[in-house]
Amino acid sequence: MSLLQDDDDTLMPTAAVRKDFGDVSPMWIVRRLKDDSDFPAPLYIRGRRYWKRGELAEYKRLKAAGGAARSVARGVAAKAAAAL
């Protein structure tokens, strides 16, 4: 997989995530991971953090919509998992 692809599974390194959110500081990322349960968890590859582009796009959509959709999606996913 190439970092230059523009699909939902594209992995973005921390620097690209920071730029994508408006050149935020490294501490902004740390705070999101610590304090915002909706912020996607990174994948760790050789000690570096990468995020899936699609998960970050969904996070932005949720924040723009007020976060209500995420709570509904979690409830639906929990019910589906319980049914298995």
C-alpha atoms as a PDB file:
ATOM      1  CA  MET A   1       0.000   0.000   0.000  1.00  0.00           C
ATOM      2  CA  SER A   2       1.303   3.413  -0.878  1.00  0.00           C
ATOM      3  CA  LEU A   3       1.076   6.490   1.320  1.00  0.00           C
ATOM      4  CA  LEU A   4       0.105   8.426  -1.798  1.00  0.00           C
ATOM      5  CA  GLN A   5      -3.190   6.617  -2.345  1.00  0.00           C
ATOM      6  CA  ASP A   6      -6.353   8.469  -1.426  1.00  0.00           C
ATOM      7  CA  ASP A   7      -8.536   5.691  -0.014  1.00  0.00           C
ATOM      8  CA  ASP A   8      -9.902   5.001   3.453  1.00  0.00           C
ATOM      9  CA  ASP A   9      -7.192   2.454   4.323  1.00  0.00           C
ATOM     10  CA  THR A  10      -4.307   4.759   3.477  1.00  0.00           C
ATOM     11  CA  LEU A  11      -2.024   5.124   6.477  1.00  0.00           C
ATOM     12  CA  MET A  12      -1.097   8.661   7.458  1.00  0.00           C
ATOM     13  CA  PRO A  13       1.942   9.359   9.636  1.00  0.00           C
ATOM     14  CA  THR A  14       1.633  11.741  12.579  1.00  0.00           C
ATOM     15  CA  ALA A  15       3.102  14.686  10.647  1.00  0.00           C
ATOM     16  CA  ALA A  16       0.462  14.319   7.928  1.00  0.00           C
ATOM     17  CA  VAL A  17      -2.314  14.059  10.529  1.00  0.00           C
ATOM     18  CA  ARG A  18      -1.102  17.213  12.236  1.00  0.00           C
ATOM     19  CA  LYS A  19      -1.053  19.049   8.908  1.00  0.00           C
ATOM     20  CA  ASP A  20      -4.486  17.691   7.963  1.00  0.00           C
ATOM     21  CA  PHE A  21      -5.967  19.153  11.156  1.00  0.00           C
ATOM     22  CA  GLY A  22      -4.499  22.591  10.491  1.00  0.00           C
ATOM     23  CA  ASP A  23      -0.844  22.331  11.528  1.00  0.00           C
ATOM     24  CA  VAL A  24      -1.723  21.431  15.101  1.00  0.00           C
ATOM     25  CA  SER A  25       0.991  20.814  17.672  1.00  0.00           C
ATOM     26  CA  PRO A  26       2.251  17.367  18.677  1.00  0.00           C
ATOM     27  CA  MET A  27       0.606  17.963  22.060  1.00  0.00           C
ATOM     28  CA  TRP A  28      -2.785  18.370  20.342  1.00  0.00           C
ATOM     29  CA  ILE A  29      -2.463  14.769  19.126  1.00  0.00           C
ATOM     30  CA  VAL A  30      -1.492  13.588  22.617  1.00  0.00           C
ATOM     31  CA  ARG A  31      -4.497  15.371  24.117  1.00  0.00           C
ATOM     32  CA  ARG A  32      -6.900  13.909  21.569  1.00  0.00           C
ATOM     33  CA  LEU A  33      -5.629  10.410  22.322  1.00  0.00           C
ATOM     34  CA  LYS A  34      -5.933  10.969  26.066  1.00  0.00           C
ATOM     35  CA  ASP A  35      -9.123  13.008  26.367  1.00  0.00           C
ATOM     36  CA  ASP A  36     -11.258  12.372  23.272  1.00  0.00           C
ATOM     37  CA  SER A  37     -12.652   8.842  23.113  1.00  0.00           C
ATOM     38  CA  ASP A  38     -13.911   9.490  19.573  1.00  0.00           C
ATOM     39  CA  PHE A  39     -10.434  10.210  18.213  1.00  0.00           C
ATOM     40  CA  PRO A  40      -9.207   7.124  16.342  1.00  0.00           C
ATOM     41  CA  ALA A  41      -6.435   5.071  17.883  1.00  0.00           C
ATOM     42  CA  PRO A  42      -3.245   4.927  15.845  1.00  0.00           C
ATOM     43  CA  LEU A  43      -1.534   1.853  14.521  1.00  0.00           C
ATOM     44  CA  TYR A  44       2.047   1.486  15.712  1.00  0.00           C
ATOM     45  CA  ILE A  45       4.567   0.342  13.140  1.00  0.00           C
ATOM     46  CA  ARG A  46       8.206   0.202  14.245  1.00  0.00           C
ATOM     47  CA  GLY A  47       7.479   2.668  17.031  1.00  0.00           C
ATOM     48  CA  ARG A  48       5.780   5.235  14.784  1.00  0.00           C
ATOM     49  CA  ARG A  49       2.105   6.153  14.811  1.00  0.00           C
ATOM     50  CA  TYR A  50      -0.090   5.917  11.727  1.00  0.00           C
ATOM     51  CA  TRP A  51      -3.791   6.581  11.313  1.00  0.00           C
ATOM     52  CA  LYS A  52      -6.212   5.308   8.676  1.00  0.00           C
ATOM     53  CA  ARG A  53      -7.387   8.184   6.494  1.00  0.00           C
ATOM     54  CA  GLY A  54     -10.987   6.951   6.575  1.00  0.00           C
ATOM     55  CA  GLU A  55     -11.102   6.848  10.380  1.00  0.00           C
ATOM     56  CA  LEU A  56      -9.831  10.424  10.575  1.00  0.00           C
ATOM     57  CA  ALA A  57     -12.372  11.540   7.969  1.00  0.00           C
ATOM     58  CA  GLU A  58     -15.134   9.899  10.006  1.00  0.00           C
ATOM     59  CA  TYR A  59     -13.864  11.655  13.162  1.00  0.00           C
ATOM     60  CA  LYS A  60     -14.058  15.006  11.364  1.00  0.00           C
ATOM     61  CA  ARG A  61     -17.604  14.251  10.173  1.00  0.00           C
ATOM     62  CA  LEU A  62     -18.655  13.307  13.701  1.00  0.00           C
ATOM     63  CA  LYS A  63     -17.191  16.436  15.226  1.00  0.00           C
ATOM     64  CA  ALA A  64     -18.868  18.557  12.560  1.00  0.00           C
ATOM     65  CA  ALA A  65     -22.190  16.838  13.320  1.00  0.00           C
ATOM     66  CA  GLY A  66     -21.779  17.186  17.069  1.00  0.00           C
ATOM     67  CA  GLY A  67     -20.649  13.642  17.821  1.00  0.00           C
ATOM     68  CA  ALA A  68     -24.123  12.136  18.104  1.00  0.00           C
ATOM     69  CA  ALA A  69     -23.646   9.727  15.208  1.00  0.00           C
ATOM     70  CA  ARG A  70     -20.699   8.009  16.914  1.00  0.00           C
ATOM     71  CA  SER A  71     -22.771   7.174  19.992  1.00  0.00           C
ATOM     72  CA  VAL A  72     -25.488   5.666  17.817  1.00  0.00           C
ATOM     73  CA  ALA A  73     -22.937   3.700  15.791  1.00  0.00           C
ATOM     74  CA  ARG A  74     -21.351   2.318  18.969  1.00  0.00           C
ATOM     75  CA  GLY A  75     -24.749   1.183  20.240  1.00  0.00           C
ATOM     76  CA  VAL A  76     -25.563  -0.567  16.967  1.00  0.00           C
ATOM     77  CA  ALA A  77     -22.138  -2.241  16.865  1.00  0.00           C
ATOM     78  CA  ALA A  78     -22.484  -3.403  20.482  1.00  0.00           C
ATOM     79  CA  LYS A  79     -25.911  -4.904  19.775  1.00  0.00           C
ATOM     80  CA  ALA A  80     -24.585  -6.662  16.667  1.00  0.00           C
ATOM     81  CA  ALA A  81     -21.628  -8.088  18.603  1.00  0.00           C
ATOM     82  CA  ALA A  82     -23.915  -9.286  21.389  1.00  0.00           C
ATOM     83  CA  ALA A  83     -26.130 -11.050  18.863  1.00  0.00           C
ATOM     84  CA  LEU A  84     -23.197 -13.167  17.665  1.00  0.00           C
END
